[in-house]
Amino acid sequence: MSSRDTTPSTRLSLIALLCFSLIAALALAERPEPEVYGEFQGDKMYTLLPPDGIPAILDPEYLTGQEAADQMSADEPVMGLTNGKDSVCWSTWQLDAHEIVNDEFDGIAIAATW
């Protein structure tokens, strides 16, 4: 193979690489600077998301234990709450996209955060 390989697959790869580079450059150019919203021990603190940039789960729908077992991976991490009689749990994989569940448990308003 010569140093000037011009096969169709090589040209296609180069075109794809150039397109990806252009898209990445445009995305970086359009990204606004993070807003400084304070300082802590002399270090600036930045906000990267606007208020409510990560939506909370406001009205969670629960599954029975069997329904959850049928849908979830056996090694899926969860966090939960129990009062000794009733229990609830939330998949931390789902909470990665929401971070907060606002709910009521045993008559008490709760905010489960991840």
N, C-alpha and C. Protein backbone atom coordinates (compact mmCIF):
# COMPACT_ATOMS: atom_id res chain seq x y z
N MET A 1 0.85 -1.18 0.00
CA MET A 1 0.00 0.00 0.00
C MET A 1 0.89 1.23 0.00
N SER A 2 0.58 2.18 -0.84
CA SER A 2 1.37 3.40 -0.92
C SER A 2 0.93 4.39 0.15
N SER A 3 1.71 5.44 0.32
CA SER A 3 1.35 6.46 1.31
C SER A 3 0.21 7.33 0.80
N ARG A 4 -0.17 7.17 -0.46
CA ARG A 4 -1.26 7.95 -1.03
C ARG A 4 -2.41 7.01 -1.38
N ASP A 5 -2.90 6.26 -0.40
CA ASP A 5 -3.99 5.31 -0.59
C ASP A 5 -5.27 6.08 -0.89
N THR A 6 -5.84 5.87 -2.06
CA THR A 6 -7.05 6.60 -2.44
C THR A 6 -8.21 5.66 -2.72
N THR A 7 -8.28 4.54 -2.01
CA THR A 7 -9.39 3.62 -2.20
C THR A 7 -10.67 4.29 -1.73
N PRO A 8 -11.82 3.86 -2.26
CA PRO A 8 -13.09 4.47 -1.84
C PRO A 8 -13.31 4.42 -0.32
N SER A 9 -12.93 3.33 0.31
CA SER A 9 -13.15 3.24 1.77
C SER A 9 -12.27 4.23 2.52
N THR A 10 -11.06 4.46 2.04
CA THR A 10 -10.17 5.44 2.69
C THR A 10 -10.72 6.85 2.52
N ARG A 11 -11.18 7.16 1.31
CA ARG A 11 -11.76 8.48 1.08
C ARG A 11 -13.00 8.70 1.93
N LEU A 12 -13.84 7.65 2.03
CA LEU A 12 -15.05 7.75 2.85
C LEU A 12 -14.69 7.97 4.32
N SER A 13 -13.66 7.26 4.78
CA SER A 13 -13.23 7.44 6.18
C SER A 13 -12.72 8.86 6.42
N LEU A 14 -11.97 9.38 5.48
CA LEU A 14 -11.46 10.74 5.63
C LEU A 14 -12.59 11.78 5.61
N ILE A 15 -13.56 11.58 4.73
CA ILE A 15 -14.70 12.50 4.68
C ILE A 15 -15.47 12.45 5.99
N ALA A 16 -15.70 11.23 6.53
CA ALA A 16 -16.42 11.09 7.80
C ALA A 16 -15.65 11.77 8.92
N LEU A 17 -14.34 11.61 8.95
CA LEU A 17 -13.52 12.24 9.98
C LEU A 17 -13.59 13.76 9.87
N LEU A 18 -13.53 14.29 8.66
CA LEU A 18 -13.63 15.74 8.48
C LEU A 18 -15.00 16.27 8.91
N CYS A 19 -16.07 15.53 8.56
CA CYS A 19 -17.42 15.95 8.97
C CYS A 19 -17.54 15.94 10.48
N PHE A 20 -17.05 14.89 11.13
CA PHE A 20 -17.11 14.81 12.58
C PHE A 20 -16.34 15.96 13.21
N SER A 21 -15.16 16.25 12.68
CA SER A 21 -14.35 17.35 13.22
C SER A 21 -15.06 18.69 13.07
N LEU A 22 -15.71 18.90 11.94
CA LEU A 22 -16.43 20.14 11.72
C LEU A 22 -17.61 20.27 12.68
N ILE A 23 -18.36 19.20 12.86
CA ILE A 23 -19.49 19.22 13.79
C ILE A 23 -19.01 19.49 15.21
N ALA A 24 -17.92 18.84 15.61
CA ALA A 24 -17.38 19.04 16.96
C ALA A 24 -16.92 20.49 17.14
N ALA A 25 -16.27 21.04 16.14
CA ALA A 25 -15.80 22.43 16.23
C ALA A 25 -16.97 23.40 16.34
N LEU A 26 -18.02 23.16 15.56
CA LEU A 26 -19.20 24.03 15.64
C LEU A 26 -19.88 23.93 16.99
N ALA A 27 -19.97 22.72 17.52
CA ALA A 27 -20.61 22.53 18.83
C ALA A 27 -19.82 23.26 19.91
N LEU A 28 -18.51 23.18 19.86
CA LEU A 28 -17.69 23.87 20.86
C LEU A 28 -17.78 25.38 20.70
N ALA A 29 -17.85 25.85 19.47
CA ALA A 29 -17.91 27.29 19.23
C ALA A 29 -19.22 27.89 19.72
N GLU A 30 -20.32 27.13 19.66
CA GLU A 30 -21.62 27.64 20.05
C GLU A 30 -21.92 27.47 21.53
N ARG A 31 -21.10 26.72 22.24
CA ARG A 31 -21.35 26.48 23.65
C ARG A 31 -21.04 27.73 24.46
N PRO A 32 -22.01 28.22 25.23
CA PRO A 32 -21.76 29.42 26.02
C PRO A 32 -20.81 29.14 27.18
N GLU A 33 -20.15 30.19 27.61
CA GLU A 33 -19.28 30.07 28.78
C GLU A 33 -20.12 29.78 30.01
N PRO A 34 -19.65 28.90 30.90
CA PRO A 34 -20.41 28.67 32.13
C PRO A 34 -20.50 29.95 32.95
N GLU A 35 -21.61 30.13 33.60
CA GLU A 35 -21.84 31.33 34.40
C GLU A 35 -21.25 31.14 35.80
N VAL A 36 -20.47 32.11 36.23
CA VAL A 36 -19.94 32.09 37.59
C VAL A 36 -21.05 32.56 38.51
N TYR A 37 -21.37 31.75 39.53
CA TYR A 37 -22.44 32.16 40.42
C TYR A 37 -21.98 32.33 41.86
N GLY A 38 -20.70 32.24 42.10
CA GLY A 38 -20.21 32.47 43.45
C GLY A 38 -18.79 31.96 43.60
N GLU A 39 -18.32 32.03 44.83
CA GLU A 39 -16.99 31.52 45.15
C GLU A 39 -17.06 30.71 46.43
N PHE A 40 -16.18 29.74 46.53
CA PHE A 40 -16.06 28.94 47.74
C PHE A 40 -14.59 28.77 48.04
N GLN A 41 -14.16 29.28 49.15
CA GLN A 41 -12.76 29.23 49.58
C GLN A 41 -11.82 29.73 48.48
N GLY A 42 -12.24 30.81 47.81
CA GLY A 42 -11.41 31.43 46.79
C GLY A 42 -11.53 30.83 45.40
N ASP A 43 -12.26 29.72 45.27
CA ASP A 43 -12.44 29.10 43.96
C ASP A 43 -13.79 29.49 43.38
N LYS A 44 -13.81 29.79 42.09
CA LYS A 44 -15.06 30.14 41.42
C LYS A 44 -15.95 28.91 41.30
N MET A 45 -17.25 29.13 41.45
CA MET A 45 -18.24 28.07 41.25
C MET A 45 -19.03 28.43 40.00
N TYR A 46 -19.25 27.44 39.15
CA TYR A 46 -19.92 27.66 37.87
C TYR A 46 -21.23 26.90 37.83
N THR A 47 -22.17 27.45 37.09
CA THR A 47 -23.40 26.73 36.81
C THR A 47 -23.33 26.24 35.37
N LEU A 48 -23.57 24.96 35.17
CA LEU A 48 -23.48 24.39 33.84
C LEU A 48 -24.84 24.15 33.22
N LEU A 49 -25.87 24.03 34.05
CA LEU A 49 -27.22 23.80 33.57
C LEU A 49 -28.12 24.93 34.03
N PRO A 50 -29.12 25.26 33.25
CA PRO A 50 -30.07 26.29 33.69
C PRO A 50 -30.94 25.73 34.82
N PRO A 51 -31.65 26.59 35.55
CA PRO A 51 -32.58 26.10 36.57
C PRO A 51 -33.54 25.09 35.93
N ASP A 52 -33.81 24.02 36.64
CA ASP A 52 -34.67 22.93 36.18
C ASP A 52 -34.11 22.25 34.94
N GLY A 53 -32.80 22.30 34.76
CA GLY A 53 -32.15 21.64 33.62
C GLY A 53 -32.22 20.13 33.71
N ILE A 54 -32.40 19.59 34.89
CA ILE A 54 -32.59 18.15 35.09
C ILE A 54 -33.95 17.98 35.74
N PRO A 55 -34.94 17.49 35.00
CA PRO A 55 -36.29 17.43 35.55
C PRO A 55 -36.44 16.36 36.62
N ALA A 56 -37.10 16.72 37.71
CA ALA A 56 -37.39 15.77 38.78
C ALA A 56 -38.53 14.85 38.34
N ILE A 57 -38.59 13.68 38.95
CA ILE A 57 -39.74 12.80 38.77
C ILE A 57 -40.77 13.26 39.78
N LEU A 58 -41.91 13.74 39.29
CA LEU A 58 -42.92 14.34 40.17
C LEU A 58 -44.04 13.38 40.55
N ASP A 59 -44.33 12.42 39.72
CA ASP A 59 -45.42 11.50 39.98
C ASP A 59 -44.96 10.09 39.61
N PRO A 60 -44.10 9.49 40.43
CA PRO A 60 -43.52 8.19 40.05
C PRO A 60 -44.58 7.10 39.96
N GLU A 61 -44.36 6.21 39.02
CA GLU A 61 -45.21 5.04 38.88
C GLU A 61 -44.41 3.84 39.36
N TYR A 62 -44.97 3.06 40.27
CA TYR A 62 -44.27 1.94 40.85
C TYR A 62 -44.73 0.62 40.26
N LEU A 63 -43.82 -0.33 40.25
CA LEU A 63 -44.10 -1.68 39.80
C LEU A 63 -44.15 -2.60 41.01
N THR A 64 -44.79 -3.75 40.85
CA THR A 64 -44.71 -4.76 41.90
C THR A 64 -43.30 -5.34 41.87
N GLY A 65 -42.93 -6.06 42.88
CA GLY A 65 -41.61 -6.68 42.92
C GLY A 65 -41.36 -7.58 41.73
N GLN A 66 -42.37 -8.36 41.34
CA GLN A 66 -42.21 -9.27 40.20
C GLN A 66 -42.08 -8.49 38.88
N GLU A 67 -42.90 -7.45 38.72
CA GLU A 67 -42.80 -6.63 37.50
C GLU A 67 -41.41 -5.99 37.39
N ALA A 68 -40.90 -5.51 38.52
CA ALA A 68 -39.57 -4.90 38.52
C ALA A 68 -38.51 -5.95 38.19
N ALA A 69 -38.63 -7.14 38.77
CA ALA A 69 -37.67 -8.21 38.49
C ALA A 69 -37.67 -8.59 37.02
N ASP A 70 -38.85 -8.54 36.39
CA ASP A 70 -38.96 -8.88 34.97
C ASP A 70 -38.31 -7.82 34.08
N GLN A 71 -38.26 -6.57 34.54
CA GLN A 71 -37.77 -5.48 33.70
C GLN A 71 -36.35 -5.03 34.02
N MET A 72 -35.91 -5.27 35.22
CA MET A 72 -34.61 -4.75 35.66
C MET A 72 -33.53 -5.81 35.58
N SER A 73 -32.31 -5.34 35.43
CA SER A 73 -31.15 -6.22 35.46
C SER A 73 -30.93 -6.69 36.90
N ALA A 74 -30.44 -7.90 37.05
CA ALA A 74 -30.21 -8.44 38.39
C ALA A 74 -29.18 -7.63 39.17
N ASP A 75 -28.27 -6.96 38.47
CA ASP A 75 -27.25 -6.17 39.16
C ASP A 75 -27.53 -4.67 39.12
N GLU A 76 -28.76 -4.29 38.78
CA GLU A 76 -29.11 -2.87 38.69
C GLU A 76 -29.16 -2.26 40.08
N PRO A 77 -28.36 -1.22 40.33
CA PRO A 77 -28.36 -0.61 41.66
C PRO A 77 -29.64 0.20 41.91
N VAL A 78 -30.11 0.15 43.12
CA VAL A 78 -31.31 0.90 43.51
C VAL A 78 -31.04 1.58 44.84
N MET A 79 -31.85 2.57 45.14
CA MET A 79 -31.89 3.12 46.49
C MET A 79 -33.33 3.04 46.94
N GLY A 80 -33.52 2.81 48.21
CA GLY A 80 -34.88 2.57 48.67
C GLY A 80 -35.17 3.15 50.03
N LEU A 81 -36.42 2.98 50.41
CA LEU A 81 -36.94 3.51 51.66
C LEU A 81 -37.95 2.50 52.20
N THR A 82 -37.90 2.26 53.48
CA THR A 82 -38.87 1.36 54.10
C THR A 82 -39.28 1.89 55.46
N ASN A 83 -40.48 1.54 55.87
CA ASN A 83 -40.93 1.87 57.22
C ASN A 83 -41.14 0.58 58.03
N GLY A 84 -40.65 -0.53 57.51
CA GLY A 84 -40.80 -1.83 58.17
C GLY A 84 -42.03 -2.58 57.68
N LYS A 85 -42.95 -1.88 57.06
CA LYS A 85 -44.17 -2.50 56.54
C LYS A 85 -44.24 -2.35 55.03
N ASP A 86 -44.00 -1.15 54.54
CA ASP A 86 -44.00 -0.86 53.11
C ASP A 86 -42.60 -0.44 52.69
N SER A 87 -42.31 -0.67 51.42
CA SER A 87 -41.00 -0.30 50.87
C SER A 87 -41.17 0.22 49.46
N VAL A 88 -40.29 1.12 49.07
CA VAL A 88 -40.20 1.59 47.69
C VAL A 88 -38.72 1.65 47.33
N CYS A 89 -38.44 1.56 46.05
CA CYS A 89 -37.07 1.75 45.61
C CYS A 89 -37.07 2.37 44.23
N TRP A 90 -35.95 3.00 43.91
CA TRP A 90 -35.78 3.69 42.64
C TRP A 90 -34.49 3.22 42.01
N SER A 91 -34.52 2.94 40.73
CA SER A 91 -33.32 2.56 39.99
C SER A 91 -32.40 3.75 39.88
N THR A 92 -31.16 3.59 40.32
CA THR A 92 -30.22 4.72 40.20
C THR A 92 -29.87 4.96 38.74
N TRP A 93 -30.01 3.94 37.89
CA TRP A 93 -29.77 4.15 36.46
C TRP A 93 -30.82 5.12 35.91
N GLN A 94 -32.07 5.00 36.35
CA GLN A 94 -33.10 5.94 35.91
C GLN A 94 -32.89 7.30 36.55
N LEU A 95 -32.44 7.30 37.79
CA LEU A 95 -32.23 8.58 38.47
C LEU A 95 -31.05 9.36 37.90
N ASP A 96 -30.17 8.71 37.15
CA ASP A 96 -29.08 9.44 36.50
C ASP A 96 -29.62 10.54 35.61
N ALA A 97 -30.81 10.33 35.04
CA ALA A 97 -31.39 11.32 34.14
C ALA A 97 -32.32 12.29 34.86
N HIS A 98 -32.62 12.04 36.13
CA HIS A 98 -33.57 12.89 36.85
C HIS A 98 -33.01 13.42 38.17
N GLU A 99 -32.29 12.61 38.89
CA GLU A 99 -31.61 12.95 40.14
C GLU A 99 -32.52 13.17 41.34
N ILE A 100 -33.80 13.46 41.14
CA ILE A 100 -34.71 13.69 42.27
C ILE A 100 -36.05 13.04 41.99
N VAL A 101 -36.58 12.40 43.02
CA VAL A 101 -37.96 11.90 42.98
C VAL A 101 -38.72 12.61 44.09
N ASN A 102 -39.74 13.37 43.72
CA ASN A 102 -40.61 14.00 44.71
C ASN A 102 -41.84 13.10 44.86
N ASP A 103 -42.11 12.69 46.09
CA ASP A 103 -43.18 11.71 46.31
C ASP A 103 -43.69 11.86 47.74
N GLU A 104 -44.57 10.97 48.08
CA GLU A 104 -45.08 10.86 49.45
C GLU A 104 -44.94 9.41 49.87
N PHE A 105 -44.42 9.20 51.07
CA PHE A 105 -44.25 7.84 51.60
C PHE A 105 -44.75 7.82 53.04
N ASP A 106 -45.66 6.92 53.29
CA ASP A 106 -46.22 6.77 54.63
C ASP A 106 -46.80 8.10 55.14
N GLY A 107 -47.42 8.86 54.21
CA GLY A 107 -48.05 10.13 54.57
C GLY A 107 -47.10 11.30 54.74
N ILE A 108 -45.82 11.11 54.38
CA ILE A 108 -44.82 12.17 54.55
C ILE A 108 -44.25 12.53 53.17
N ALA A 109 -44.22 13.82 52.87
CA ALA A 109 -43.62 14.28 51.62
C ALA A 109 -42.11 14.02 51.67
N ILE A 110 -41.56 13.44 50.58
CA ILE A 110 -40.13 13.15 50.54
C ILE A 110 -39.56 13.64 49.22
N ALA A 111 -38.28 13.88 49.25
CA ALA A 111 -37.50 14.14 48.03
C ALA A 111 -36.30 13.21 48.09
N ALA A 112 -36.34 12.16 47.28
CA ALA A 112 -35.22 11.22 47.21
C ALA A 112 -34.27 11.76 46.16
N THR A 113 -33.01 11.97 46.53
CA THR A 113 -32.05 12.57 45.62
C THR A 113 -30.91 11.61 45.34
N TRP A 114 -30.38 11.71 44.13
CA TRP A 114 -29.26 10.86 43.69
C TRP A 114 -28.23 11.72 43.05
